[in-house]
């Protein structure tokens, strides 16, 4: 995860998700000042809304 984060930041990927299947969570990180900051953590009963991809929502109970 560390290497990917650095590589994605270097190339300007605006949003980075970390899926934690055992915890049934997804962390959404946003690129700010060339580093990723945690924007939101979503659990299995939440609906994920992408900050970068307007209109993209995922009902996580359908995944987990």
Protein backbone atom coordinates (compact mmCIF):
# COMPACT_ATOMS: atom_id res chain seq x y z
CA UNK A 1 0.00 0.00 0.00
CA UNK A 2 2.83 2.41 0.75
CA UNK A 3 4.49 2.06 -2.65
CA UNK A 4 1.20 2.38 -4.53
CA UNK A 5 0.25 5.49 -2.57
CA UNK A 6 3.54 7.17 -3.44
CA UNK A 7 3.30 6.18 -7.09
CA UNK A 8 -0.32 7.30 -7.43
CA UNK A 9 0.47 10.63 -5.74
CA UNK A 10 3.42 11.21 -8.05
CA UNK A 11 1.16 10.80 -11.06
CA UNK A 12 -1.66 12.91 -9.62
CA UNK A 13 -4.32 10.28 -8.96
CA UNK A 14 -6.94 12.38 -7.16
CA UNK A 15 -8.66 9.64 -5.18
CA UNK A 16 -7.28 6.43 -3.68
CA UNK A 17 -9.38 3.72 -2.05
CA UNK A 18 -8.12 1.11 0.37
CA UNK A 19 -10.44 -1.89 0.68
CA UNK A 20 -10.16 -3.76 3.98
CA UNK A 21 -12.17 -6.94 3.36
CA UNK A 22 -11.69 -8.46 6.80
CA UNK A 23 -12.94 -5.28 8.49
CA UNK A 24 -15.60 -4.79 5.78
CA UNK A 25 -14.47 -1.21 5.30
CA UNK A 26 -13.27 1.07 2.54
CA UNK A 27 -11.06 4.07 3.22
CA UNK A 28 -11.29 6.91 0.70
CA UNK A 29 -8.19 9.10 0.53
CA UNK A 30 -7.97 12.41 -1.35
CA UNK A 31 -4.79 13.86 -2.86
CA UNK A 32 -3.96 17.22 -1.30
CA UNK A 33 -0.58 18.96 -1.54
CA UNK A 34 0.94 15.81 -3.13
CA UNK A 35 -0.03 13.54 -0.22
CA UNK A 36 -3.13 11.51 0.53
CA UNK A 37 -5.40 12.47 3.37
CA UNK A 38 -8.15 10.25 4.71
CA UNK A 39 -11.44 11.70 3.56
CA UNK A 40 -13.91 9.09 4.83
CA UNK A 41 -14.10 5.53 6.09
CA UNK A 42 -17.15 3.56 5.00
CA UNK A 43 -18.48 0.40 6.65
CA UNK A 44 -20.63 -2.40 5.27
CA UNK A 45 -23.91 -0.62 6.07
CA UNK A 46 -22.88 2.64 4.38
CA UNK A 47 -23.25 3.97 0.87
CA UNK A 48 -19.91 5.10 -0.51
CA UNK A 49 -19.97 8.37 -2.45
CA UNK A 50 -16.89 9.21 -4.48
CA UNK A 51 -15.68 12.79 -4.01
CA UNK A 52 -13.77 12.75 -7.32
CA UNK A 53 -16.25 10.82 -9.47
CA UNK A 54 -19.46 12.79 -9.07
CA UNK A 55 -22.54 10.60 -9.10
CA UNK A 56 -20.70 7.38 -8.25
CA UNK A 57 -22.33 5.71 -5.27
CA UNK A 58 -21.89 2.13 -4.09
CA UNK A 59 -24.15 0.42 -1.55
CA UNK A 60 -21.57 -1.54 0.42
CA UNK A 61 -23.96 -4.12 1.88
CA UNK A 62 -24.21 -5.43 -1.69
CA UNK A 63 -20.44 -5.99 -1.75
CA UNK A 64 -19.63 -7.11 1.78
